[in-house]
Amino acid sequence: MEKKRHVVSIVIDDIELAHDPVSAILHQNAAHILLRVGYPMRDRNVSVIFLILEMDLDELGAFSGKLGQLSAVKVKTITLKI
């Protein structure tokens, strides 16, 4: 499959619960991450992470599916038409 670029936004509603599992998944996919920006809101126990990834659609589905299965995590993806 053709590799495409994607924008992924990850919202973690409970940092204490989901930070480590999210970090582990991001680490496993580090080779595909072109950009990572995080915005922790510790006073609200929330964190937002923005990613730009380069991977095919099957890999993106597996990546976002793993994140989406974690409690306290919401994921949105957009495939860029570049």
N, C-alpha and C. Protein backbone atom coordinates (compact mmCIF):
# COMPACT_ATOMS: atom_id res chain seq x y z
N MET A 1 0.83 -1.19 0.00
CA MET A 1 0.00 0.00 0.00
C MET A 1 0.87 1.25 0.00
N GLU A 2 0.31 2.31 -0.52
CA GLU A 2 1.02 3.57 -0.59
C GLU A 2 1.03 4.27 0.77
N LYS A 3 2.21 4.77 1.15
CA LYS A 3 2.31 5.52 2.40
C LYS A 3 1.80 6.93 2.17
N LYS A 4 0.99 7.40 3.09
CA LYS A 4 0.44 8.75 3.02
C LYS A 4 0.73 9.45 4.33
N ARG A 5 0.50 10.75 4.32
CA ARG A 5 0.70 11.52 5.55
C ARG A 5 -0.65 11.77 6.21
N HIS A 6 -0.64 11.70 7.52
CA HIS A 6 -1.87 11.81 8.30
C HIS A 6 -1.64 12.74 9.48
N VAL A 7 -2.70 13.45 9.86
CA VAL A 7 -2.71 14.24 11.09
C VAL A 7 -3.54 13.48 12.10
N VAL A 8 -2.97 13.28 13.28
CA VAL A 8 -3.66 12.54 14.33
C VAL A 8 -3.70 13.42 15.57
N SER A 9 -4.89 13.56 16.13
CA SER A 9 -5.02 14.26 17.42
C SER A 9 -5.45 13.25 18.47
N ILE A 10 -4.78 13.31 19.59
CA ILE A 10 -5.03 12.39 20.70
C ILE A 10 -5.36 13.23 21.93
N VAL A 11 -6.50 12.95 22.54
CA VAL A 11 -6.89 13.63 23.77
C VAL A 11 -6.90 12.59 24.88
N ILE A 12 -6.11 12.86 25.90
CA ILE A 12 -6.04 11.97 27.06
C ILE A 12 -6.80 12.64 28.19
N ASP A 13 -7.91 12.06 28.61
CA ASP A 13 -8.77 12.64 29.63
C ASP A 13 -8.28 12.38 31.06
N ASP A 14 -7.40 11.42 31.23
CA ASP A 14 -6.86 11.10 32.55
C ASP A 14 -5.39 10.74 32.38
N ILE A 15 -4.53 11.72 32.61
CA ILE A 15 -3.09 11.54 32.37
C ILE A 15 -2.53 10.38 33.19
N GLU A 16 -2.91 10.29 34.45
CA GLU A 16 -2.37 9.25 35.32
C GLU A 16 -2.71 7.85 34.82
N LEU A 17 -3.90 7.70 34.27
CA LEU A 17 -4.36 6.39 33.81
C LEU A 17 -3.75 6.01 32.45
N ALA A 18 -3.69 6.95 31.52
CA ALA A 18 -3.39 6.59 30.13
C ALA A 18 -2.03 7.04 29.62
N HIS A 19 -1.28 7.81 30.36
CA HIS A 19 -0.02 8.35 29.84
C HIS A 19 0.96 7.26 29.43
N ASP A 20 1.20 6.30 30.29
CA ASP A 20 2.18 5.25 29.99
C ASP A 20 1.78 4.38 28.80
N PRO A 21 0.52 3.90 28.71
CA PRO A 21 0.15 3.11 27.54
C PRO A 21 0.24 3.90 26.22
N VAL A 22 -0.15 5.17 26.26
CA VAL A 22 -0.07 6.00 25.05
C VAL A 22 1.39 6.19 24.65
N SER A 23 2.24 6.48 25.62
CA SER A 23 3.67 6.65 25.34
C SER A 23 4.28 5.38 24.74
N ALA A 24 3.87 4.23 25.23
CA ALA A 24 4.39 2.96 24.71
C ALA A 24 3.98 2.76 23.25
N ILE A 25 2.73 3.08 22.91
CA ILE A 25 2.27 2.93 21.52
C ILE A 25 3.00 3.92 20.62
N LEU A 26 3.19 5.15 21.08
CA LEU A 26 3.92 6.14 20.29
C LEU A 26 5.37 5.69 20.08
N HIS A 27 5.98 5.13 21.11
CA HIS A 27 7.35 4.65 20.99
C HIS A 27 7.46 3.52 19.97
N GLN A 28 6.48 2.61 19.96
CA GLN A 28 6.48 1.50 19.01
C GLN A 28 6.37 1.99 17.57
N ASN A 29 5.77 3.16 17.37
CA ASN A 29 5.55 3.70 16.03
C ASN A 29 6.42 4.92 15.74
N ALA A 30 7.50 5.09 16.49
CA ALA A 30 8.35 6.27 16.38
C ALA A 30 8.91 6.47 14.97
N ALA A 31 9.15 5.40 14.25
CA ALA A 31 9.72 5.51 12.90
C ALA A 31 8.76 6.19 11.93
N HIS A 32 7.47 6.19 12.23
CA HIS A 32 6.46 6.79 11.36
C HIS A 32 6.11 8.22 11.74
N ILE A 33 6.57 8.67 12.90
CA ILE A 33 6.19 9.99 13.40
C ILE A 33 7.12 11.05 12.83
N LEU A 34 6.54 11.99 12.07
CA LEU A 34 7.30 13.09 11.51
C LEU A 34 7.29 14.31 12.43
N LEU A 35 6.21 14.49 13.17
CA LEU A 35 6.06 15.62 14.08
C LEU A 35 5.22 15.19 15.26
N ARG A 36 5.63 15.63 16.45
CA ARG A 36 4.87 15.35 17.66
C ARG A 36 4.86 16.61 18.52
N VAL A 37 3.67 17.07 18.85
CA VAL A 37 3.51 18.24 19.71
C VAL A 37 2.55 17.87 20.82
N GLY A 38 2.97 18.10 22.04
CA GLY A 38 2.12 17.78 23.18
C GLY A 38 1.78 19.02 23.97
N TYR A 39 0.57 19.04 24.50
CA TYR A 39 0.12 20.15 25.33
C TYR A 39 -0.51 19.57 26.59
N PRO A 40 0.28 19.44 27.67
CA PRO A 40 -0.27 18.92 28.91
C PRO A 40 -1.00 20.02 29.68
N MET A 41 -2.17 19.70 30.18
CA MET A 41 -2.92 20.61 31.03
C MET A 41 -3.04 19.94 32.39
N ARG A 42 -1.97 19.97 33.14
CA ARG A 42 -1.89 19.22 34.40
C ARG A 42 -2.94 19.66 35.41
N ASP A 43 -3.29 20.94 35.37
CA ASP A 43 -4.30 21.42 36.33
C ASP A 43 -5.67 20.79 36.08
N ARG A 44 -5.88 20.27 34.86
CA ARG A 44 -7.15 19.61 34.52
C ARG A 44 -6.99 18.10 34.34
N ASN A 45 -5.76 17.59 34.50
CA ASN A 45 -5.45 16.18 34.32
C ASN A 45 -5.77 15.70 32.91
N VAL A 46 -5.50 16.59 31.94
CA VAL A 46 -5.77 16.31 30.52
C VAL A 46 -4.52 16.61 29.72
N SER A 47 -4.33 15.89 28.63
CA SER A 47 -3.22 16.16 27.73
C SER A 47 -3.71 16.00 26.29
N VAL A 48 -3.18 16.85 25.40
CA VAL A 48 -3.50 16.77 23.98
C VAL A 48 -2.20 16.57 23.22
N ILE A 49 -2.18 15.62 22.30
CA ILE A 49 -1.00 15.34 21.49
C ILE A 49 -1.42 15.42 20.02
N PHE A 50 -0.65 16.17 19.24
CA PHE A 50 -0.86 16.27 17.79
C PHE A 50 0.31 15.57 17.11
N LEU A 51 0.01 14.75 16.11
CA LEU A 51 1.04 14.02 15.38
C LEU A 51 0.86 14.23 13.88
N ILE A 52 1.97 14.19 13.16
CA ILE A 52 1.94 13.99 11.72
C ILE A 52 2.68 12.68 11.48
N LEU A 53 2.00 11.74 10.85
CA LEU A 53 2.54 10.41 10.61
C LEU A 53 2.66 10.15 9.12
N GLU A 54 3.58 9.26 8.76
CA GLU A 54 3.66 8.78 7.39
C GLU A 54 3.58 7.25 7.45
N MET A 55 2.44 6.72 7.01
CA MET A 55 2.21 5.28 7.02
C MET A 55 1.05 4.97 6.08
N ASP A 56 0.88 3.69 5.75
CA ASP A 56 -0.25 3.33 4.90
C ASP A 56 -1.52 3.24 5.75
N LEU A 57 -2.64 3.11 5.08
CA LEU A 57 -3.93 3.15 5.78
C LEU A 57 -4.13 1.98 6.75
N ASP A 58 -3.59 0.81 6.40
CA ASP A 58 -3.70 -0.33 7.31
C ASP A 58 -2.93 -0.07 8.61
N GLU A 59 -1.72 0.48 8.47
CA GLU A 59 -0.92 0.80 9.66
C GLU A 59 -1.61 1.88 10.49
N LEU A 60 -2.19 2.87 9.82
CA LEU A 60 -2.89 3.93 10.53
C LEU A 60 -4.08 3.36 11.31
N GLY A 61 -4.83 2.46 10.68
CA GLY A 61 -5.97 1.84 11.35
C GLY A 61 -5.55 1.06 12.59
N ALA A 62 -4.45 0.32 12.48
CA ALA A 62 -3.95 -0.44 13.62
C ALA A 62 -3.48 0.50 14.73
N PHE A 63 -2.77 1.55 14.34
CA PHE A 63 -2.26 2.54 15.30
C PHE A 63 -3.40 3.24 16.05
N SER A 64 -4.34 3.79 15.29
CA SER A 64 -5.44 4.52 15.93
C SER A 64 -6.37 3.58 16.70
N GLY A 65 -6.50 2.35 16.22
CA GLY A 65 -7.31 1.36 16.93
C GLY A 65 -6.75 1.01 18.29
N LYS A 66 -5.42 0.83 18.37
CA LYS A 66 -4.79 0.54 19.66
C LYS A 66 -5.01 1.69 20.64
N LEU A 67 -4.83 2.92 20.14
CA LEU A 67 -5.02 4.08 21.01
C LEU A 67 -6.48 4.21 21.43
N GLY A 68 -7.39 4.00 20.49
CA GLY A 68 -8.82 4.15 20.76
C GLY A 68 -9.37 3.14 21.75
N GLN A 69 -8.69 2.01 21.91
CA GLN A 69 -9.14 1.00 22.86
C GLN A 69 -8.79 1.34 24.30
N LEU A 70 -7.89 2.30 24.48
CA LEU A 70 -7.49 2.68 25.83
C LEU A 70 -8.58 3.56 26.46
N SER A 71 -8.90 3.27 27.71
CA SER A 71 -9.88 4.13 28.37
C SER A 71 -9.24 5.49 28.62
N ALA A 72 -10.04 6.52 28.58
CA ALA A 72 -9.62 7.91 28.79
C ALA A 72 -8.85 8.48 27.60
N VAL A 73 -8.92 7.82 26.43
CA VAL A 73 -8.22 8.32 25.24
C VAL A 73 -9.20 8.45 24.09
N LYS A 74 -9.14 9.59 23.40
CA LYS A 74 -9.93 9.82 22.19
C LYS A 74 -8.97 10.14 21.06
N VAL A 75 -9.24 9.59 19.87
CA VAL A 75 -8.34 9.75 18.72
C VAL A 75 -9.14 10.20 17.50
N LYS A 76 -8.58 11.15 16.77
CA LYS A 76 -9.14 11.58 15.49
C LYS A 76 -8.02 11.59 14.47
N THR A 77 -8.30 11.10 13.26
CA THR A 77 -7.29 11.09 12.21
C THR A 77 -7.81 11.77 10.95
N ILE A 78 -6.90 12.41 10.25
CA ILE A 78 -7.20 13.03 8.96
C ILE A 78 -6.08 12.65 8.02
N THR A 79 -6.42 12.11 6.86
CA THR A 79 -5.44 11.80 5.84
C THR A 79 -5.26 13.01 4.94
N LEU A 80 -4.02 13.43 4.78
CA LEU A 80 -3.72 14.59 3.95
C LEU A 80 -3.70 14.18 2.48
N LYS A 81 -4.21 15.02 1.62
CA LYS A 81 -4.21 14.75 0.18
C LYS A 81 -3.09 15.54 -0.47
N ILE A 82 -1.87 15.11 -0.15
CA ILE A 82 -0.68 15.79 -0.68
C ILE A 82 -0.02 14.86 -1.68
